[in-house]
Amino acid sequence: MRRLRTQVAIIGAGPAGLVLANLLTRAGVDCRVVERCSRAHVEGRARAGLLEHRTVRALRQGGLAGRMLAEGTRHGWCDFRCLGRSVRVDYGALSGGHTHWVYPQQFLVRDLIAALAHGGFTPLFSRTARAVADITTPRPRVMCDALEITCDYVVGCDGSRGVSRASLPATHRVFPRRYPYDWLTVLAEVDEAAPCVVYAVGAGGFAGMMPRTRHLSRFYLQCAPGDTEAHWPARRIHEQLRARLTPLPKVGGFPDVRVLRMRATVTEPLRHGRLLLAGDAAHVLTPSGAKGMNLAVADAVDAAEALIGRLRGGEGHALATYSERRLAEIWRVQEFSDRLLRLLHLPPDEDPGFALRLRLAAIQRLAGPGPHAAAFAHQYVGSGAEGGAHGRAD
């Protein structure tokens, strides 16, 4: 049994765990990251791709944004298509110049791992955390196969099914929501980069196009709950993309096709003893509004500041209030994501003609000008400001 001693043990090498580890080590706090998957698997996972304004700002301040700024692209508008009309929401202008950066999650993960390796803190890959012990003592432990890590604090960034959330007592609650539809998520080869995010609302179901790289785009197609990839051969995908998202770039092959179960969860509270939760261990969001990875990074930034303050001899108030502070933002973001979903999907028991015209009116209102559109723009781009009145998307 190998034994290690560190100040902060981090379970999970996703964006939350890797950003947290980089911020801690750059502030002189010793930490170790354990990850159940191999490095190749972690660096190859193609998931999110839109980085909010606040995420980019945090990466810049942490010295972690060099490659992203050199190779990523900025996007400041999105298009909504409904009833044969295309409405552009220029959220960059409406928010005072704040934009997204398009930079695939796997590229960011590679950058973050490389930065840790350069400093001598390469994550311990292929190490499954089996248990978290002694959480309420000054020396909690993370138990892995043939490895035991003793530390001052544990941060669980290992997802909704990881050992961290499972280590919480029964007094903690998980609040779930299951939506009455799923999304087929398709990574597709395209002949040209998507100029912006596109949302299409129609009687045949929602469809979306998200930019990734010059020759790859992510597409979403609303599908029936319980659908599997077997229900969606390539021919059907092409047909539904043409039916729901015209005009389209030329679409080729599909390197990755999956059905995403549309659900959301929030865990309360996010701390027990010396265990903190961040990222998907704390909350699960749908892809609506591209909030999942960005909220995970915000958790990591908050946790890093609180832990650095405490471990450098501070009084620890920021650490004590971590859960309260994060939950306030998590529920705001969940509400925004849920609201956008209700705009993009038609209720099954409503006349589609009436429902679509209501949604077109709501979309046109988001195009501004005015405080309603500005508030939506600030929330959508993650500017950190409310932008005036609390906007509604539906």
Protein backbone atom coordinates (compact mmCIF):
# COMPACT_ATOMS: atom_id res chain seq x y z
CA MET A 1 0.00 0.00 0.00
CA ARG A 2 1.48 3.30 -1.10
CA ARG A 3 0.77 6.24 1.22
CA LEU A 4 0.84 9.92 0.31
CA ARG A 5 0.38 13.08 2.37
CA THR A 6 -0.91 16.27 0.77
CA GLN A 7 -2.92 19.35 1.69
CA VAL A 8 -5.81 18.87 -0.77
CA ALA A 9 -6.85 15.60 -2.39
CA ILE A 10 -8.92 16.07 -5.54
CA ILE A 11 -10.99 13.20 -6.93
CA GLY A 12 -11.62 13.53 -10.65
CA ALA A 13 -9.57 15.01 -13.52
CA GLY A 14 -12.34 16.80 -15.38
CA PRO A 15 -12.35 20.59 -15.89
CA ALA A 16 -13.34 21.31 -12.27
CA GLY A 17 -10.65 19.13 -10.70
CA LEU A 18 -7.92 20.25 -13.11
CA VAL A 19 -8.65 23.97 -12.79
CA LEU A 20 -8.75 23.62 -9.01
CA ALA A 21 -5.43 21.76 -8.94
CA ASN A 22 -3.73 24.34 -11.14
CA LEU A 23 -4.95 27.27 -9.06
CA LEU A 24 -3.91 25.59 -5.81
CA THR A 25 -0.43 24.58 -6.95
CA ARG A 26 0.26 28.01 -8.42
CA ALA A 27 -0.60 29.50 -5.02
CA GLY A 28 1.82 27.14 -3.26
CA VAL A 29 -0.79 24.69 -1.96
CA ASP A 30 0.20 21.04 -2.34
CA CYS A 31 -2.45 18.80 -3.89
CA ARG A 32 -2.90 15.47 -5.63
CA VAL A 33 -5.49 14.56 -8.28
CA VAL A 34 -6.68 10.97 -8.63
CA GLU A 35 -8.65 9.89 -11.69
CA ARG A 36 -10.16 6.47 -12.42
CA CYS A 37 -9.70 6.71 -16.21
CA SER A 38 -6.49 6.70 -18.24
CA ARG A 39 -4.87 9.91 -19.39
CA ALA A 40 -5.62 9.06 -23.02
CA HIS A 41 -9.31 8.59 -22.23
CA VAL A 42 -9.57 11.84 -20.27
CA GLU A 43 -7.76 13.85 -22.92
CA GLY A 44 -9.93 12.41 -25.70
CA ARG A 45 -13.41 13.04 -24.27
CA ALA A 46 -15.21 15.41 -26.65
CA ARG A 47 -17.93 17.17 -24.68
CA ALA A 48 -18.48 20.90 -24.17
CA GLY A 49 -16.97 23.62 -26.31
CA LEU A 50 -18.27 27.08 -25.32
CA LEU A 51 -16.35 28.96 -22.62
CA GLU A 52 -18.19 31.81 -20.94
CA HIS A 53 -16.73 35.24 -20.34
CA ARG A 54 -16.13 34.53 -16.64
CA THR A 55 -14.48 31.20 -17.40
CA VAL A 56 -12.06 32.82 -19.81
CA ARG A 57 -11.34 35.60 -17.33
CA ALA A 58 -10.54 33.06 -14.60
CA LEU A 59 -8.27 31.06 -16.91
CA ARG A 60 -6.45 34.21 -17.96
CA GLN A 61 -5.92 35.33 -14.39
CA GLY A 62 -4.61 31.87 -13.52
CA GLY A 63 -2.18 31.85 -16.44
CA LEU A 64 -4.02 28.94 -18.06
CA ALA A 65 -5.48 30.50 -21.21
CA GLY A 66 -2.48 30.79 -23.55
CA ARG A 67 -3.36 28.10 -26.09
CA MET A 68 -7.06 28.85 -25.92
CA LEU A 69 -6.48 32.52 -26.76
CA ALA A 70 -4.16 31.55 -29.62
CA GLU A 71 -6.31 28.84 -31.19
CA GLY A 72 -9.88 29.45 -30.01
CA THR A 73 -12.41 31.71 -31.71
CA ARG A 74 -14.71 34.33 -30.23
CA HIS A 75 -18.48 34.23 -30.73
CA GLY A 76 -20.89 36.96 -29.73
CA TRP A 77 -24.22 36.08 -31.30
CA CYS A 78 -26.60 33.15 -31.76
CA ASP A 79 -29.44 32.55 -34.20
CA PHE A 80 -32.94 31.29 -33.39
CA ARG A 81 -34.99 29.76 -36.21
CA CYS A 82 -38.74 29.51 -35.89
CA LEU A 83 -41.62 29.49 -38.39
CA GLY A 84 -39.27 30.03 -41.32
CA ARG A 85 -37.66 33.09 -39.77
CA SER A 86 -34.14 33.52 -38.41
CA VAL A 87 -33.69 35.92 -35.50
CA ARG A 88 -30.17 36.92 -34.49
CA VAL A 89 -29.54 37.62 -30.81
CA ASP A 90 -26.37 39.72 -30.64
CA TYR A 91 -25.66 38.98 -27.01
CA GLY A 92 -22.15 40.42 -27.33
CA ALA A 93 -23.52 43.85 -28.13
CA LEU A 94 -26.40 43.53 -25.66
CA SER A 95 -24.00 42.62 -22.82
CA GLY A 96 -21.52 45.40 -23.51
CA GLY A 97 -18.98 43.40 -25.50
CA HIS A 98 -18.80 40.10 -23.57
CA THR A 99 -18.40 36.99 -25.72
CA HIS A 100 -17.91 33.23 -25.62
CA TRP A 101 -14.74 31.51 -26.74
CA VAL A 102 -15.18 28.34 -28.79
CA TYR A 103 -12.55 25.89 -27.60
CA PRO A 104 -13.36 22.17 -27.28
CA GLN A 105 -13.29 20.81 -23.75
CA GLN A 106 -10.76 18.09 -24.60
CA PHE A 107 -8.29 20.77 -25.75
CA LEU A 108 -8.70 22.67 -22.48
CA VAL A 109 -8.28 19.46 -20.49
CA ARG A 110 -5.02 18.70 -22.31
CA ASP A 111 -3.75 22.20 -21.55
CA LEU A 112 -4.62 21.88 -17.87
CA ILE A 113 -2.97 18.47 -17.54
CA ALA A 114 0.15 19.73 -19.29
CA ALA A 115 0.33 22.70 -16.93
CA LEU A 116 0.11 20.41 -13.90
CA ALA A 117 2.72 18.05 -15.34
CA HIS A 118 5.08 20.97 -15.97
CA GLY A 119 4.88 21.85 -12.28
CA GLY A 120 5.43 18.27 -11.14
CA PHE A 121 1.79 17.56 -10.20
CA THR A 122 0.70 15.17 -12.96
CA PRO A 123 -2.64 13.60 -11.96
CA LEU A 124 -2.58 9.98 -10.84
CA PHE A 125 -4.51 8.36 -13.70
CA SER A 126 -6.12 4.91 -13.66
CA ARG A 127 -6.59 5.25 -9.89
CA THR A 128 -10.14 4.61 -8.75
CA ALA A 129 -11.11 6.22 -5.45
CA ARG A 130 -12.94 3.51 -3.52
CA ALA A 131 -13.81 5.42 -0.34
CA VAL A 132 -13.41 8.72 1.47
CA ALA A 133 -12.82 8.19 5.19
CA ASP A 134 -12.53 10.35 8.33
CA ILE A 135 -14.24 13.31 6.67
CA THR A 136 -15.13 14.95 9.98
CA THR A 137 -11.59 14.68 11.40
CA PRO A 138 -8.57 16.93 10.73
CA ARG A 139 -7.03 14.20 8.56
CA PRO A 140 -9.46 12.79 6.00
CA ARG A 141 -8.28 9.98 3.75
CA VAL A 142 -8.95 8.97 0.15
CA MET A 143 -8.68 5.23 -0.34
CA CYS A 144 -7.69 3.98 -3.81
CA ASP A 145 -6.45 0.65 -5.10
CA ALA A 146 -2.99 0.20 -3.52
CA LEU A 147 -2.93 3.89 -2.58
CA GLU A 148 -4.01 5.90 0.46
CA ILE A 149 -3.91 9.70 0.48
CA THR A 150 -4.07 11.57 3.79
CA CYS A 151 -4.88 15.25 3.49
CA ASP A 152 -6.38 18.34 5.09
CA TYR A 153 -9.32 18.61 2.68
CA VAL A 154 -10.94 16.50 -0.03
CA VAL A 155 -12.68 18.02 -3.06
CA GLY A 156 -14.93 15.64 -4.97
CA CYS A 157 -15.03 16.41 -8.70
CA ASP A 158 -15.87 12.85 -9.72
CA GLY A 159 -19.38 13.25 -11.09
CA SER A 160 -22.85 12.35 -9.92
CA ARG A 161 -22.05 8.64 -9.54
CA GLY A 162 -18.67 9.05 -7.90
CA VAL A 163 -17.52 8.07 -4.46
CA SER A 164 -17.52 11.67 -3.20
CA ARG A 165 -21.26 12.22 -3.36
CA ALA A 166 -21.85 8.69 -2.12
CA SER A 167 -19.79 9.55 0.99
CA LEU A 168 -22.26 12.19 2.14
CA PRO A 169 -24.56 11.32 5.06
CA ALA A 170 -28.27 10.72 4.57
CA THR A 171 -29.02 14.25 5.79
CA HIS A 172 -27.83 15.56 2.42
CA ARG A 173 -30.41 15.68 -0.36
CA VAL A 174 -30.28 15.35 -4.12
CA PHE A 175 -32.97 17.26 -6.00
CA PRO A 176 -33.58 15.68 -9.45
CA ARG A 177 -35.50 16.67 -12.54
CA ARG A 178 -36.14 14.42 -15.54
CA TYR A 179 -37.33 16.13 -18.71
CA PRO A 180 -39.98 14.50 -20.94
CA TYR A 181 -37.62 14.21 -23.92
CA ASP A 182 -34.01 13.32 -24.67
CA TRP A 183 -31.44 14.75 -27.07
CA LEU A 184 -29.46 12.91 -29.70
CA THR A 185 -26.00 14.47 -29.61
CA VAL A 186 -24.03 14.14 -32.83
CA LEU A 187 -20.44 15.19 -33.47
CA ALA A 188 -20.38 15.68 -37.24
CA GLU A 189 -17.85 16.43 -39.93
CA VAL A 190 -18.74 19.64 -41.79
CA ASP A 191 -17.25 21.46 -44.76
CA GLU A 192 -17.09 24.79 -42.94
CA ALA A 193 -17.11 26.01 -39.35
CA ALA A 194 -20.46 26.92 -37.86
CA PRO A 195 -20.64 30.74 -37.74
CA CYS A 196 -22.58 30.72 -34.48
CA VAL A 197 -24.80 28.65 -32.22
CA VAL A 198 -28.12 27.92 -33.91
CA TYR A 199 -31.35 26.96 -32.13
CA ALA A 200 -34.25 25.72 -34.27
CA VAL A 201 -37.74 25.44 -32.78
CA GLY A 202 -40.33 23.55 -34.78
CA ALA A 203 -43.29 21.20 -34.68
CA GLY A 204 -40.98 18.30 -35.59
CA GLY A 205 -38.82 18.87 -32.52
CA PHE A 206 -35.89 21.01 -31.41
CA ALA A 207 -32.56 20.96 -33.25
CA GLY A 208 -29.32 22.79 -32.48
CA MET A 209 -25.93 23.38 -34.07
CA MET A 210 -22.90 24.24 -31.93
CA PRO A 211 -19.47 25.28 -33.29
CA ARG A 212 -16.46 23.18 -32.29
CA THR A 213 -13.60 23.31 -34.80
CA ARG A 214 -13.14 24.29 -38.43
CA HIS A 215 -14.43 20.94 -39.68
CA LEU A 216 -16.46 19.65 -36.73
CA SER A 217 -19.78 20.78 -35.30
CA ARG A 218 -21.96 19.41 -32.52
CA PHE A 219 -25.61 18.86 -33.43
CA TYR A 220 -28.51 18.16 -31.10
CA LEU A 221 -31.82 16.60 -32.12
CA GLN A 222 -34.76 16.26 -29.76
CA CYS A 223 -35.82 12.62 -29.53
CA ALA A 224 -38.26 10.52 -27.59
CA PRO A 225 -37.33 9.61 -24.01
CA GLY A 226 -35.82 6.17 -23.96
CA ASP A 227 -34.47 6.34 -27.53
CA THR A 228 -31.12 4.66 -28.14
CA GLU A 229 -28.44 5.19 -30.75
CA ALA A 230 -29.86 2.17 -32.61
CA HIS A 231 -32.99 4.21 -33.34
CA TRP A 232 -30.84 6.77 -35.18
CA PRO A 233 -28.96 5.38 -38.18
CA ALA A 234 -26.95 7.87 -40.23
CA ARG A 235 -29.66 8.18 -42.88
CA ARG A 236 -32.26 9.24 -40.30
CA ILE A 237 -29.86 11.75 -38.74
CA HIS A 238 -29.20 13.37 -42.12
CA GLU A 239 -32.94 13.51 -42.86
CA GLN A 240 -33.83 15.12 -39.55
CA LEU A 241 -31.00 17.64 -39.74
CA ARG A 242 -32.22 18.76 -43.15
CA ALA A 243 -35.83 18.87 -41.98
CA ARG A 244 -35.18 20.85 -38.79
CA LEU A 245 -32.07 22.97 -39.46
CA THR A 246 -32.19 24.18 -43.06
CA PRO A 247 -29.96 25.84 -44.20
CA LEU A 248 -27.12 23.54 -43.16
CA PRO A 249 -23.43 23.29 -43.93
CA LYS A 250 -22.47 20.17 -45.89
CA VAL A 251 -22.52 17.37 -43.30
CA GLY A 252 -20.35 14.28 -43.69
CA GLY A 253 -19.65 11.47 -41.25
CA PHE A 254 -20.53 11.21 -37.57
CA PRO A 255 -17.50 10.38 -35.38
CA ASP A 256 -19.66 10.28 -32.25
CA VAL A 257 -23.40 9.67 -31.79
CA ARG A 258 -24.99 9.32 -28.36
CA VAL A 259 -28.37 9.77 -26.71
CA LEU A 260 -28.21 12.20 -23.84
CA ARG A 261 -30.73 11.63 -21.06
CA MET A 262 -32.08 15.07 -20.30
CA ARG A 263 -31.94 15.47 -16.56
CA ALA A 264 -30.77 17.94 -13.94
CA THR A 265 -29.79 17.49 -10.29
CA VAL A 266 -28.56 19.62 -7.41
CA THR A 267 -27.02 18.27 -4.20
CA GLU A 268 -27.53 20.16 -0.94
CA PRO A 269 -25.39 21.07 0.93
CA LEU A 270 -22.08 20.87 -0.93
CA ARG A 271 -19.90 20.30 2.10
CA HIS A 272 -19.65 17.80 4.91
CA GLY A 273 -16.77 18.09 7.33
CA ARG A 274 -13.65 18.43 5.21
CA LEU A 275 -15.24 17.16 1.99
CA LEU A 276 -16.38 19.67 -0.64
CA LEU A 277 -18.24 18.90 -3.86
CA ALA A 278 -17.69 20.66 -7.19
CA GLY A 279 -18.69 20.16 -10.81
CA ASP A 280 -20.96 17.25 -11.71
CA ALA A 281 -20.62 15.84 -8.20
CA ALA A 282 -22.48 18.94 -7.02
CA HIS A 283 -24.86 19.52 -9.92
CA VAL A 284 -25.86 18.10 -13.29
CA LEU A 285 -27.21 20.42 -15.99
CA THR A 286 -28.58 19.79 -19.44
CA PRO A 287 -26.56 21.23 -22.37
CA SER A 288 -29.11 24.04 -22.70
CA GLY A 289 -27.18 27.30 -22.68
CA ALA A 290 -23.79 25.51 -22.45
CA LYS A 291 -23.61 25.98 -18.69
CA GLY A 292 -22.30 22.66 -17.33
CA MET A 293 -18.54 23.00 -17.80
CA ASN A 294 -18.63 26.72 -17.07
CA LEU A 295 -20.43 26.23 -13.76
CA ALA A 296 -17.93 23.48 -12.86
CA VAL A 297 -15.03 25.88 -13.46
CA ALA A 298 -16.78 28.53 -11.35
CA ASP A 299 -17.03 25.98 -8.52
CA ALA A 300 -13.31 25.28 -8.84
CA VAL A 301 -12.37 28.96 -8.75
CA ASP A 302 -14.50 29.55 -5.67
CA ALA A 303 -13.16 26.44 -3.90
CA ALA A 304 -9.58 27.39 -4.74
CA GLU A 305 -9.92 30.87 -3.27
CA ALA A 306 -11.54 29.48 -0.11
CA LEU A 307 -8.96 26.73 0.39
CA ILE A 308 -5.99 28.98 -0.32
CA GLY A 309 -7.27 31.47 2.24
CA ARG A 310 -7.76 28.78 4.88
CA LEU A 311 -4.52 26.87 4.29
CA ARG A 312 -2.48 30.05 4.30
CA GLY A 313 -3.61 30.78 7.82
CA GLY A 314 -6.82 32.70 7.14
CA GLU A 315 -9.87 32.58 9.37
CA GLY A 316 -11.77 30.27 7.02
CA HIS A 317 -15.05 32.16 6.60
CA ALA A 318 -15.01 31.74 2.80
CA LEU A 319 -14.56 28.00 3.21
CA ALA A 320 -17.36 27.77 5.79
CA THR A 321 -19.77 29.53 3.43
CA TYR A 322 -18.70 27.71 0.24
CA SER A 323 -21.88 25.64 -0.02
CA GLU A 324 -24.23 28.55 0.59
CA ARG A 325 -22.45 30.71 -1.95
CA ARG A 326 -22.26 28.07 -4.65
CA LEU A 327 -25.85 26.88 -4.26
CA ALA A 328 -27.16 30.40 -4.78
CA GLU A 329 -25.42 30.54 -8.16
CA ILE A 330 -26.17 26.92 -9.06
CA TRP A 331 -29.91 27.45 -8.70
CA ARG A 332 -29.74 30.67 -10.74
CA VAL A 333 -28.00 28.81 -13.54
CA GLN A 334 -30.39 25.84 -13.31
CA GLU A 335 -33.32 28.24 -13.62
CA PHE A 336 -31.79 29.85 -16.71
CA SER A 337 -31.10 26.50 -18.36
CA ASP A 338 -34.63 25.29 -17.58
CA ARG A 339 -36.13 28.49 -18.93
CA LEU A 340 -34.22 28.18 -22.20
CA LEU A 341 -35.34 24.57 -22.55
CA ARG A 342 -38.99 25.63 -22.21
CA LEU A 343 -38.43 28.13 -24.98
CA LEU A 344 -36.89 25.51 -27.29
CA HIS A 345 -39.43 22.69 -26.80
CA LEU A 346 -43.15 22.62 -27.50
CA PRO A 347 -45.52 21.23 -24.88
CA PRO A 348 -47.00 17.98 -26.23
CA ASP A 349 -50.57 18.99 -25.35
CA GLU A 350 -50.58 22.43 -27.05
CA ASP A 351 -51.54 23.41 -30.58
CA PRO A 352 -48.16 23.80 -32.35
CA GLY A 353 -49.33 26.76 -34.41
CA PHE A 354 -50.16 28.81 -31.32
CA ALA A 355 -47.15 27.58 -29.34
CA LEU A 356 -44.70 28.38 -32.14
CA ARG A 357 -46.03 31.90 -32.54
CA LEU A 358 -45.65 32.49 -28.81
CA ARG A 359 -42.06 31.33 -29.02
CA LEU A 360 -41.28 33.51 -32.01
CA ALA A 361 -42.57 36.52 -30.09
CA ALA A 362 -40.40 35.56 -27.10
CA ILE A 363 -37.33 35.11 -29.33
CA GLN A 364 -37.85 38.46 -31.00
CA ARG A 365 -37.99 40.08 -27.58
CA LEU A 366 -34.58 38.56 -26.76
CA ALA A 367 -33.11 40.32 -29.78
CA GLY A 368 -33.66 43.60 -27.94
CA PRO A 369 -33.09 46.37 -27.36
CA GLY A 370 -34.12 46.88 -23.75
CA PRO A 371 -33.44 45.56 -20.25
CA HIS A 372 -35.13 42.20 -20.88
CA ALA A 373 -32.78 41.36 -23.77
CA ALA A 374 -29.76 42.75 -21.90
CA ALA A 375 -30.48 40.58 -18.86
CA PHE A 376 -30.78 37.47 -21.04
CA ALA A 377 -27.52 38.36 -22.83
CA HIS A 378 -25.59 38.74 -19.56
CA GLN A 379 -26.90 35.44 -18.25
CA TYR A 380 -26.27 33.62 -21.53
CA VAL A 381 -22.66 34.79 -21.93
CA GLY A 382 -21.84 34.48 -18.23
CA SER A 383 -20.65 38.06 -17.84
CA GLY A 384 -21.06 38.09 -14.07
CA ALA A 385 -23.61 40.92 -14.27
CA GLU A 386 -27.37 40.74 -14.27
CA GLY A 387 -27.72 43.42 -16.90
CA GLY A 388 -30.61 45.24 -15.28
CA ALA A 389 -34.02 43.65 -14.83
CA HIS A 390 -34.12 39.89 -14.43
CA GLY A 391 -34.93 38.76 -17.96
CA ARG A 392 -37.24 35.96 -18.96
CA ALA A 393 -36.70 33.80 -22.04
CA ASP A 394 -40.23 32.56 -22.32
